[in-house]
């Protein structure tokens, strides 16, 4: 059984690297055109990792509220580069106790930031909605960068150090409302 647990841990570590845009064998960041930079690949990987991190007893019924202590917030670590909202949530979720708190999702955080007027929402001609930055976003350390996947450009909302610090300082209040 121990050997299987070791292999499962190694598999999880490989998934974590891929979800964070790192080549799982060479440990080098992948370029922006790599499929591991596409949100359609990254989001399911983070979803799977969050599920794997939950104790089996909590997978059936998640707690109904967010509970995060200052000690847990202080333990959150970030890389030294711009990060997207899903990576921010994943880093916070690493510190949460799943038996006490539900997991933070990019959708919830996006919705809270839109409610505060820090982010906005636009609707395409096809009727799809997406979050975008606005005139106040930059003052909170939030911007958009263009990425590309298979030659198709897309815009990603990213947080710099100021944006990550703002979110961490205000996360408890953001999740109350």
N, C-alpha and C. Protein backbone atom coordinates (compact mmCIF):
# COMPACT_ATOMS: atom_id res chain seq x y z
N UNK A 1 0.82 -1.20 0.00
CA UNK A 1 0.00 0.00 0.00
C UNK A 1 0.86 1.25 0.00
N UNK A 2 1.96 1.24 0.74
CA UNK A 2 2.85 2.40 0.80
C UNK A 2 3.40 2.76 -0.57
N UNK A 3 3.70 1.75 -1.38
CA UNK A 3 4.23 2.00 -2.72
C UNK A 3 3.18 2.69 -3.59
N UNK A 4 1.93 2.28 -3.47
CA UNK A 4 0.86 2.92 -4.24
C UNK A 4 0.67 4.36 -3.77
N UNK A 5 0.74 4.61 -2.49
CA UNK A 5 0.60 5.96 -1.97
C UNK A 5 1.73 6.85 -2.49
N UNK A 6 2.93 6.31 -2.58
CA UNK A 6 4.06 7.06 -3.11
C UNK A 6 3.82 7.43 -4.57
N UNK A 7 3.34 6.47 -5.35
CA UNK A 7 3.05 6.73 -6.76
C UNK A 7 1.92 7.75 -6.91
N UNK A 8 0.91 7.68 -6.07
CA UNK A 8 -0.18 8.65 -6.12
C UNK A 8 0.31 10.05 -5.76
N UNK A 9 1.18 10.14 -4.77
CA UNK A 9 1.75 11.43 -4.39
C UNK A 9 2.58 12.01 -5.54
N UNK A 10 3.39 11.16 -6.19
CA UNK A 10 4.18 11.60 -7.34
C UNK A 10 3.27 12.07 -8.48
N UNK A 11 2.19 11.35 -8.72
CA UNK A 11 1.25 11.74 -9.77
C UNK A 11 0.61 13.08 -9.44
N UNK A 12 0.25 13.28 -8.19
CA UNK A 12 -0.34 14.56 -7.77
C UNK A 12 0.66 15.70 -7.95
N UNK A 13 1.92 15.46 -7.61
CA UNK A 13 2.94 16.49 -7.77
C UNK A 13 3.13 16.84 -9.24
N UNK A 14 3.06 15.86 -10.12
CA UNK A 14 3.15 16.13 -11.56
C UNK A 14 1.97 16.99 -12.02
N UNK A 15 0.77 16.66 -11.55
CA UNK A 15 -0.42 17.46 -11.91
C UNK A 15 -0.28 18.89 -11.41
N UNK A 16 0.25 19.07 -10.19
CA UNK A 16 0.43 20.41 -9.64
C UNK A 16 1.39 21.22 -10.50
N UNK A 17 2.47 20.61 -10.93
CA UNK A 17 3.42 21.31 -11.80
C UNK A 17 2.73 21.73 -13.10
N UNK A 18 2.01 20.80 -13.71
CA UNK A 18 1.36 21.12 -14.98
C UNK A 18 0.32 22.22 -14.80
N UNK A 19 -0.46 22.16 -13.71
CA UNK A 19 -1.48 23.18 -13.47
C UNK A 19 -0.85 24.56 -13.28
N UNK A 20 0.36 24.60 -12.79
CA UNK A 20 1.06 25.87 -12.57
C UNK A 20 1.95 26.26 -13.73
N UNK A 21 1.79 25.58 -14.89
CA UNK A 21 2.52 25.96 -16.09
C UNK A 21 3.99 25.58 -16.08
N UNK A 22 4.31 24.50 -15.38
CA UNK A 22 5.69 24.03 -15.28
C UNK A 22 5.78 22.65 -15.94
N UNK A 23 6.80 22.46 -16.76
CA UNK A 23 7.02 21.16 -17.40
C UNK A 23 7.30 20.14 -16.29
N UNK A 24 6.53 19.05 -16.20
CA UNK A 24 6.65 18.13 -15.06
C UNK A 24 7.96 17.35 -15.00
N UNK A 25 8.69 17.26 -16.10
CA UNK A 25 9.94 16.51 -16.12
C UNK A 25 11.15 17.42 -15.91
N UNK A 26 11.16 18.56 -16.63
CA UNK A 26 12.32 19.45 -16.58
C UNK A 26 12.20 20.52 -15.50
N UNK A 27 11.02 20.70 -14.94
CA UNK A 27 10.75 21.74 -13.94
C UNK A 27 10.96 23.16 -14.49
N UNK A 28 10.90 23.32 -15.80
CA UNK A 28 11.04 24.63 -16.43
C UNK A 28 9.65 25.17 -16.76
N UNK A 29 9.44 26.48 -16.62
CA UNK A 29 8.15 27.06 -17.03
C UNK A 29 7.93 26.84 -18.53
N UNK A 30 6.70 26.54 -18.89
CA UNK A 30 6.38 26.35 -20.31
C UNK A 30 6.09 27.71 -20.93
N UNK A 31 6.29 27.82 -22.26
CA UNK A 31 6.06 29.12 -22.89
C UNK A 31 4.57 29.39 -23.01
N UNK A 32 4.24 30.63 -23.32
CA UNK A 32 2.85 31.07 -23.31
C UNK A 32 1.99 30.39 -24.36
N UNK A 33 2.59 29.74 -25.35
CA UNK A 33 1.82 29.07 -26.40
C UNK A 33 1.58 27.59 -26.08
N UNK A 34 2.12 27.12 -25.00
CA UNK A 34 1.99 25.72 -24.61
C UNK A 34 0.57 25.44 -24.13
N UNK A 35 0.10 24.23 -24.36
CA UNK A 35 -1.27 23.90 -23.94
C UNK A 35 -1.47 24.02 -22.43
N UNK A 36 -0.40 23.94 -21.66
CA UNK A 36 -0.52 24.09 -20.20
C UNK A 36 -0.73 25.53 -19.78
N UNK A 37 -0.79 26.46 -20.71
CA UNK A 37 -1.12 27.85 -20.42
C UNK A 37 -2.57 28.16 -20.80
N UNK A 38 -3.27 27.20 -21.35
CA UNK A 38 -4.65 27.41 -21.78
C UNK A 38 -5.59 27.19 -20.60
N UNK A 39 -6.44 28.17 -20.31
CA UNK A 39 -7.38 28.03 -19.19
C UNK A 39 -8.28 26.79 -19.30
N UNK A 40 -8.54 26.34 -20.53
CA UNK A 40 -9.38 25.15 -20.70
C UNK A 40 -8.68 23.89 -20.21
N UNK A 41 -7.37 23.94 -20.05
CA UNK A 41 -6.60 22.82 -19.50
C UNK A 41 -6.30 23.07 -18.02
N UNK A 42 -5.94 24.31 -17.70
CA UNK A 42 -5.54 24.64 -16.33
C UNK A 42 -6.70 24.47 -15.34
N UNK A 43 -7.86 24.99 -15.67
CA UNK A 43 -8.99 24.95 -14.73
C UNK A 43 -9.36 23.52 -14.32
N UNK A 44 -9.48 22.58 -15.28
CA UNK A 44 -9.79 21.21 -14.86
C UNK A 44 -8.69 20.58 -14.01
N UNK A 45 -7.43 20.93 -14.28
CA UNK A 45 -6.35 20.39 -13.45
C UNK A 45 -6.47 20.88 -12.01
N UNK A 46 -6.74 22.19 -11.84
CA UNK A 46 -6.91 22.72 -10.49
C UNK A 46 -8.14 22.12 -9.81
N UNK A 47 -9.21 21.91 -10.57
CA UNK A 47 -10.41 21.29 -10.01
C UNK A 47 -10.09 19.89 -9.50
N UNK A 48 -9.37 19.13 -10.30
CA UNK A 48 -8.98 17.78 -9.91
C UNK A 48 -8.07 17.81 -8.68
N UNK A 49 -7.10 18.72 -8.67
CA UNK A 49 -6.19 18.83 -7.52
C UNK A 49 -6.95 19.20 -6.25
N UNK A 50 -7.87 20.14 -6.36
CA UNK A 50 -8.67 20.51 -5.18
C UNK A 50 -9.45 19.31 -4.67
N UNK A 51 -10.00 18.53 -5.58
CA UNK A 51 -10.75 17.33 -5.19
C UNK A 51 -9.83 16.32 -4.51
N UNK A 52 -8.63 16.13 -5.07
CA UNK A 52 -7.69 15.18 -4.48
C UNK A 52 -7.19 15.62 -3.11
N UNK A 53 -7.14 16.93 -2.88
CA UNK A 53 -6.67 17.45 -1.60
C UNK A 53 -7.71 17.33 -0.49
N UNK A 54 -8.95 17.12 -0.86
CA UNK A 54 -10.00 16.99 0.14
C UNK A 54 -9.98 15.59 0.76
N UNK A 55 -10.11 15.52 2.07
CA UNK A 55 -10.24 14.19 2.68
C UNK A 55 -11.48 13.49 2.12
N UNK A 56 -11.41 12.19 1.99
CA UNK A 56 -12.53 11.43 1.43
C UNK A 56 -13.83 11.69 2.18
N UNK A 57 -13.74 11.88 3.49
CA UNK A 57 -14.96 12.09 4.28
C UNK A 57 -15.65 13.40 3.92
N UNK A 58 -14.92 14.36 3.33
CA UNK A 58 -15.50 15.66 3.00
C UNK A 58 -15.94 15.77 1.55
N UNK A 59 -15.69 14.77 0.76
CA UNK A 59 -16.01 14.86 -0.66
C UNK A 59 -17.50 14.79 -0.93
N UNK A 60 -18.26 14.25 0.00
CA UNK A 60 -19.69 14.11 -0.24
C UNK A 60 -20.46 15.36 0.16
N UNK A 61 -20.10 15.99 1.26
CA UNK A 61 -20.82 17.17 1.70
C UNK A 61 -19.82 18.23 2.15
N UNK A 62 -19.72 19.28 1.38
CA UNK A 62 -18.79 20.36 1.70
C UNK A 62 -19.42 21.31 2.72
N UNK A 63 -18.60 21.95 3.56
CA UNK A 63 -19.14 22.97 4.46
C UNK A 63 -19.78 24.09 3.66
N UNK A 64 -20.71 24.79 4.27
CA UNK A 64 -21.47 25.81 3.56
C UNK A 64 -20.91 27.21 3.65
N UNK A 65 -19.79 27.42 4.34
CA UNK A 65 -19.27 28.78 4.45
C UNK A 65 -17.75 28.78 4.37
N UNK A 66 -17.21 29.99 4.18
CA UNK A 66 -15.76 30.16 4.13
C UNK A 66 -15.26 30.50 5.52
N UNK A 67 -14.25 29.77 5.95
CA UNK A 67 -13.62 30.03 7.24
C UNK A 67 -12.12 29.99 7.02
N UNK A 68 -11.49 31.15 7.19
CA UNK A 68 -10.03 31.21 7.05
C UNK A 68 -9.48 32.13 8.14
N UNK A 69 -8.50 31.62 8.84
CA UNK A 69 -7.90 32.38 9.94
C UNK A 69 -6.78 33.27 9.42
N UNK A 70 -6.37 34.21 10.25
CA UNK A 70 -5.25 35.06 9.89
C UNK A 70 -3.98 34.23 9.74
N UNK A 71 -3.84 33.22 10.59
CA UNK A 71 -2.67 32.34 10.50
C UNK A 71 -2.64 31.63 9.15
N UNK A 72 -3.80 31.17 8.68
CA UNK A 72 -3.87 30.52 7.37
C UNK A 72 -3.54 31.51 6.26
N UNK A 73 -4.07 32.73 6.36
CA UNK A 73 -3.78 33.76 5.36
C UNK A 73 -2.29 34.07 5.32
N UNK A 74 -1.67 34.16 6.49
CA UNK A 74 -0.23 34.45 6.57
C UNK A 74 0.62 33.34 5.95
N UNK A 75 0.08 32.13 5.91
CA UNK A 75 0.84 30.99 5.38
C UNK A 75 0.75 30.86 3.86
N UNK A 76 -0.14 31.62 3.22
CA UNK A 76 -0.29 31.54 1.77
C UNK A 76 0.97 32.08 1.10
N UNK A 77 1.51 31.31 0.17
CA UNK A 77 2.72 31.72 -0.56
C UNK A 77 2.42 31.83 -2.04
N UNK A 78 3.04 32.82 -2.67
CA UNK A 78 2.83 33.07 -4.09
C UNK A 78 4.16 33.10 -4.82
N UNK A 79 4.13 32.77 -6.12
CA UNK A 79 5.35 32.92 -6.94
C UNK A 79 5.64 34.40 -7.17
N UNK A 80 6.79 34.70 -7.70
CA UNK A 80 7.20 36.09 -7.93
C UNK A 80 6.76 36.62 -9.29
N UNK A 81 5.72 36.08 -9.87
CA UNK A 81 5.24 36.56 -11.16
C UNK A 81 3.74 36.79 -11.10
N UNK A 82 3.21 37.40 -12.16
CA UNK A 82 1.77 37.63 -12.25
C UNK A 82 1.05 36.29 -12.18
N UNK A 83 -0.05 36.26 -11.45
CA UNK A 83 -0.83 35.02 -11.38
C UNK A 83 -2.29 35.31 -11.71
N UNK A 84 -2.95 34.30 -12.24
CA UNK A 84 -4.36 34.40 -12.54
C UNK A 84 -5.20 34.10 -11.31
N UNK A 85 -6.48 34.32 -11.46
CA UNK A 85 -7.40 34.16 -10.33
C UNK A 85 -7.48 32.71 -9.85
N UNK A 86 -7.40 31.75 -10.77
CA UNK A 86 -7.47 30.35 -10.35
C UNK A 86 -6.24 29.94 -9.54
N UNK A 87 -5.07 30.43 -9.95
CA UNK A 87 -3.87 30.11 -9.18
C UNK A 87 -3.94 30.77 -7.80
N UNK A 88 -4.46 32.00 -7.73
CA UNK A 88 -4.63 32.66 -6.43
C UNK A 88 -5.51 31.79 -5.54
N UNK A 89 -6.65 31.36 -6.06
CA UNK A 89 -7.58 30.54 -5.27
C UNK A 89 -6.94 29.23 -4.85
N UNK A 90 -6.19 28.61 -5.75
CA UNK A 90 -5.54 27.35 -5.42
C UNK A 90 -4.56 27.53 -4.26
N UNK A 91 -3.80 28.61 -4.28
CA UNK A 91 -2.83 28.87 -3.21
C UNK A 91 -3.54 29.09 -1.88
N UNK A 92 -4.66 29.78 -1.90
CA UNK A 92 -5.44 29.99 -0.67
C UNK A 92 -6.04 28.66 -0.21
N UNK A 93 -6.57 27.89 -1.14
CA UNK A 93 -7.20 26.61 -0.80
C UNK A 93 -6.23 25.62 -0.19
N UNK A 94 -4.94 25.75 -0.51
CA UNK A 94 -3.93 24.88 0.10
C UNK A 94 -3.88 25.06 1.61
N UNK A 95 -4.28 26.22 2.09
CA UNK A 95 -4.22 26.52 3.53
C UNK A 95 -5.55 26.27 4.26
N UNK A 96 -6.62 26.12 3.51
CA UNK A 96 -7.94 25.92 4.13
C UNK A 96 -8.09 24.52 4.68
N UNK A 97 -8.83 24.40 5.75
CA UNK A 97 -9.19 23.10 6.31
C UNK A 97 -10.53 22.71 5.68
N UNK A 98 -10.55 21.72 4.79
CA UNK A 98 -11.79 21.38 4.07
C UNK A 98 -12.90 20.85 4.96
N UNK A 99 -12.58 20.46 6.18
CA UNK A 99 -13.64 20.01 7.08
C UNK A 99 -14.35 21.20 7.73
N UNK A 100 -13.77 22.39 7.60
CA UNK A 100 -14.32 23.59 8.24
C UNK A 100 -14.80 24.61 7.22
N UNK A 101 -14.09 24.71 6.09
CA UNK A 101 -14.38 25.77 5.13
C UNK A 101 -14.58 25.19 3.73
N UNK A 102 -15.50 25.81 3.00
CA UNK A 102 -15.59 25.43 1.60
C UNK A 102 -14.44 26.07 0.85
N UNK A 103 -14.15 25.54 -0.33
CA UNK A 103 -13.03 26.00 -1.14
C UNK A 103 -13.39 27.28 -1.87
N UNK A 104 -12.39 28.13 -2.04
CA UNK A 104 -12.54 29.36 -2.80
C UNK A 104 -12.43 29.05 -4.28
N UNK A 105 -13.30 29.64 -5.08
CA UNK A 105 -13.25 29.43 -6.53
C UNK A 105 -13.04 30.77 -7.23
N UNK A 106 -12.50 30.69 -8.45
CA UNK A 106 -12.31 31.89 -9.24
C UNK A 106 -13.61 32.61 -9.53
N UNK A 107 -14.68 31.86 -9.74
CA UNK A 107 -15.98 32.48 -10.01
C UNK A 107 -16.46 33.30 -8.82
N UNK A 108 -16.34 32.75 -7.63
CA UNK A 108 -16.77 33.47 -6.42
C UNK A 108 -15.96 34.75 -6.27
N UNK A 109 -14.65 34.64 -6.40
CA UNK A 109 -13.79 35.81 -6.24
C UNK A 109 -14.06 36.85 -7.33
N UNK A 110 -14.23 36.39 -8.57
CA UNK A 110 -14.60 37.31 -9.66
C UNK A 110 -15.89 38.05 -9.33
N UNK A 111 -16.91 37.31 -8.88
CA UNK A 111 -18.20 37.92 -8.56
C UNK A 111 -18.07 38.96 -7.45
N UNK A 112 -17.27 38.66 -6.43
CA UNK A 112 -17.08 39.61 -5.31
C UNK A 112 -16.39 40.88 -5.81
N UNK A 113 -15.37 40.72 -6.67
CA UNK A 113 -14.64 41.88 -7.19
C UNK A 113 -15.52 42.71 -8.13
N UNK A 114 -16.42 42.06 -8.86
CA UNK A 114 -17.35 42.80 -9.72
C UNK A 114 -18.35 43.58 -8.86
N UNK A 115 -18.81 42.96 -7.79
CA UNK A 115 -19.77 43.62 -6.90
C UNK A 115 -19.15 44.89 -6.29
N UNK A 116 -17.85 44.86 -6.02
CA UNK A 116 -17.15 46.02 -5.46
C UNK A 116 -16.77 47.05 -6.53
N UNK A 117 -16.95 46.70 -7.81
CA UNK A 117 -16.60 47.62 -8.89
C UNK A 117 -15.13 47.57 -9.27
N UNK A 118 -14.40 46.60 -8.75
CA UNK A 118 -12.97 46.47 -9.06
C UNK A 118 -12.79 45.77 -10.41
N UNK A 119 -13.68 44.86 -10.74
CA UNK A 119 -13.74 44.23 -12.06
C UNK A 119 -15.09 44.54 -12.68
N UNK A 120 -15.17 44.37 -13.98
CA UNK A 120 -16.43 44.57 -14.69
C UNK A 120 -16.75 43.33 -15.50
N UNK A 121 -17.89 43.35 -16.16
CA UNK A 121 -18.31 42.22 -16.98
C UNK A 121 -18.73 42.74 -18.34
N UNK A 122 -18.35 42.04 -19.39
CA UNK A 122 -18.78 42.38 -20.74
C UNK A 122 -19.47 41.17 -21.35
N UNK A 123 -20.36 41.46 -22.28
CA UNK A 123 -21.08 40.39 -22.97
C UNK A 123 -20.74 40.45 -24.45
N UNK A 124 -20.41 39.29 -25.01
CA UNK A 124 -20.07 39.22 -26.43
C UNK A 124 -21.34 39.24 -27.26
N UNK A 125 -21.17 39.37 -28.56
CA UNK A 125 -22.32 39.33 -29.47
C UNK A 125 -23.03 37.99 -29.41
N UNK A 126 -22.27 36.92 -29.04
CA UNK A 126 -22.87 35.59 -28.93
C UNK A 126 -23.62 35.41 -27.61
N UNK A 127 -23.51 36.39 -26.72
CA UNK A 127 -24.22 36.31 -25.44
C UNK A 127 -23.40 35.78 -24.29
N UNK A 128 -22.13 35.42 -24.53
CA UNK A 128 -21.29 34.93 -23.44
C UNK A 128 -20.76 36.11 -22.64
N UNK A 129 -20.64 35.91 -21.34
CA UNK A 129 -20.16 36.96 -20.45
C UNK A 129 -18.76 36.60 -19.96
N UNK A 130 -17.94 37.63 -19.75
CA UNK A 130 -16.62 37.40 -19.17
C UNK A 130 -16.23 38.60 -18.33
N UNK A 131 -15.40 38.34 -17.36
CA UNK A 131 -14.91 39.40 -16.48
C UNK A 131 -13.76 40.12 -17.16
N UNK A 132 -13.70 41.43 -16.93
CA UNK A 132 -12.63 42.26 -17.48
C UNK A 132 -12.22 43.28 -16.43
N UNK A 133 -11.04 43.87 -16.63
CA UNK A 133 -10.61 44.95 -15.75
C UNK A 133 -11.35 46.22 -16.15
N UNK A 134 -11.29 47.21 -15.26
CA UNK A 134 -11.90 48.51 -15.55
C UNK A 134 -10.94 49.62 -15.09
N UNK A 135 -11.41 50.84 -15.04
CA UNK A 135 -10.55 51.98 -14.69
C UNK A 135 -9.98 51.90 -13.28
N UNK A 136 -10.64 51.18 -12.37
CA UNK A 136 -10.14 51.11 -10.99
C UNK A 136 -9.26 49.88 -10.73
N UNK A 137 -9.28 48.91 -11.63
CA UNK A 137 -8.55 47.65 -11.40
C UNK A 137 -7.07 47.86 -11.15
N UNK A 138 -6.43 48.70 -11.96
CA UNK A 138 -4.97 48.88 -11.85
C UNK A 138 -4.57 49.41 -10.48
N UNK A 139 -5.40 50.24 -9.88
CA UNK A 139 -5.05 50.78 -8.56
C UNK A 139 -5.10 49.70 -7.47
N UNK A 140 -5.65 48.53 -7.80
CA UNK A 140 -5.68 47.40 -6.88
C UNK A 140 -4.66 46.32 -7.27
N UNK A 141 -3.85 46.59 -8.28
CA UNK A 141 -2.85 45.62 -8.71
C UNK A 141 -3.41 44.52 -9.59
N UNK A 142 -4.47 44.84 -10.32
CA UNK A 142 -5.13 43.86 -11.18
C UNK A 142 -5.07 44.38 -12.61
N UNK A 143 -4.64 43.54 -13.52
CA UNK A 143 -4.55 43.93 -14.93
C UNK A 143 -4.94 42.75 -15.80
N UNK A 144 -4.91 42.99 -17.10
CA UNK A 144 -5.18 41.93 -18.06
C UNK A 144 -3.98 41.82 -18.98
N UNK A 145 -3.62 40.59 -19.29
CA UNK A 145 -2.55 40.36 -20.25
C UNK A 145 -3.09 39.47 -21.36
N UNK A 146 -2.52 39.63 -22.53
CA UNK A 146 -2.94 38.80 -23.64
C UNK A 146 -2.10 37.53 -23.67
N UNK A 147 -2.77 36.45 -23.79
CA UNK A 147 -2.13 35.15 -23.95
C UNK A 147 -2.63 34.58 -25.26
N UNK A 148 -2.02 33.50 -25.67
CA UNK A 148 -2.41 32.87 -26.92
C UNK A 148 -2.36 31.36 -26.74
N UNK A 149 -3.33 30.71 -27.32
CA UNK A 149 -3.35 29.25 -27.35
C UNK A 149 -3.66 28.81 -28.76
N UNK A 150 -2.75 28.05 -29.35
CA UNK A 150 -2.90 27.59 -30.74
C UNK A 150 -3.23 28.75 -31.69
N UNK A 151 -2.58 29.87 -31.47
CA UNK A 151 -2.79 31.03 -32.34
C UNK A 151 -4.02 31.84 -32.03
N UNK A 152 -4.82 31.41 -31.07
CA UNK A 152 -6.03 32.16 -30.70
C UNK A 152 -5.74 32.99 -29.44
N UNK A 153 -5.81 34.29 -29.56
CA UNK A 153 -5.53 35.13 -28.39
C UNK A 153 -6.70 35.13 -27.40
N UNK A 154 -6.37 35.30 -26.16
CA UNK A 154 -7.39 35.49 -25.13
C UNK A 154 -6.80 36.41 -24.06
N UNK A 155 -7.66 37.02 -23.27
CA UNK A 155 -7.26 37.93 -22.22
C UNK A 155 -7.39 37.24 -20.87
N UNK A 156 -6.35 37.36 -20.05
CA UNK A 156 -6.38 36.77 -18.71
C UNK A 156 -6.24 37.88 -17.67
N UNK A 157 -7.11 37.85 -16.68
CA UNK A 157 -6.99 38.77 -15.55
C UNK A 157 -5.89 38.24 -14.65
N UNK A 158 -4.95 39.12 -14.28
CA UNK A 158 -3.82 38.71 -13.46
C UNK A 158 -3.63 39.69 -12.30
N UNK A 159 -2.97 39.18 -11.26
CA UNK A 159 -2.71 39.96 -10.06
C UNK A 159 -1.22 40.09 -9.86
N UNK A 160 -0.75 41.32 -9.63
CA UNK A 160 0.65 41.50 -9.28
C UNK A 160 0.76 41.40 -7.76
N UNK A 161 1.92 41.71 -7.22
CA UNK A 161 2.12 41.59 -5.77
C UNK A 161 1.12 42.46 -4.99
N UNK A 162 0.88 43.68 -5.46
CA UNK A 162 -0.07 44.56 -4.80
C UNK A 162 -1.48 43.95 -4.83
N UNK A 163 -1.87 43.36 -5.96
CA UNK A 163 -3.18 42.74 -6.08
C UNK A 163 -3.34 41.54 -5.16
N UNK A 164 -2.31 40.71 -5.09
CA UNK A 164 -2.36 39.54 -4.19
C UNK A 164 -2.45 40.00 -2.74
N UNK A 165 -1.66 41.02 -2.38
CA UNK A 165 -1.69 41.53 -1.00
C UNK A 165 -3.06 42.11 -0.66
N UNK A 166 -3.64 42.87 -1.60
CA UNK A 166 -4.98 43.43 -1.38
C UNK A 166 -5.99 42.33 -1.13
N UNK A 167 -5.97 41.31 -1.98
CA UNK A 167 -6.94 40.22 -1.82
C UNK A 167 -6.75 39.48 -0.49
N UNK A 168 -5.51 39.21 -0.13
CA UNK A 168 -5.27 38.51 1.14
C UNK A 168 -5.72 39.34 2.33
N UNK A 169 -5.41 40.64 2.31
CA UNK A 169 -5.80 41.52 3.44
C UNK A 169 -7.31 41.61 3.59
N UNK A 170 -8.03 41.51 2.48
CA UNK A 170 -9.47 41.72 2.50
C UNK A 170 -10.29 40.45 2.27
N UNK A 171 -9.62 39.32 2.19
CA UNK A 171 -10.33 38.10 1.82
C UNK A 171 -11.42 37.72 2.82
N UNK A 172 -11.13 37.82 4.10
CA UNK A 172 -12.15 37.46 5.10
C UNK A 172 -13.41 38.31 4.93
N UNK A 173 -13.25 39.61 4.72
CA UNK A 173 -14.42 40.48 4.52
C UNK A 173 -15.10 40.22 3.19
N UNK A 174 -14.32 39.96 2.15
CA UNK A 174 -14.91 39.67 0.85
C UNK A 174 -15.80 38.43 0.90
N UNK A 175 -15.37 37.43 1.65
CA UNK A 175 -16.11 36.17 1.68
C UNK A 175 -17.30 36.19 2.63
N UNK A 176 -17.40 37.20 3.47
CA UNK A 176 -18.55 37.31 4.38
C UNK A 176 -19.82 37.73 3.64
N UNK A 177 -19.67 38.64 2.71
CA UNK A 177 -20.83 39.23 2.06
C UNK A 177 -21.34 38.50 0.88
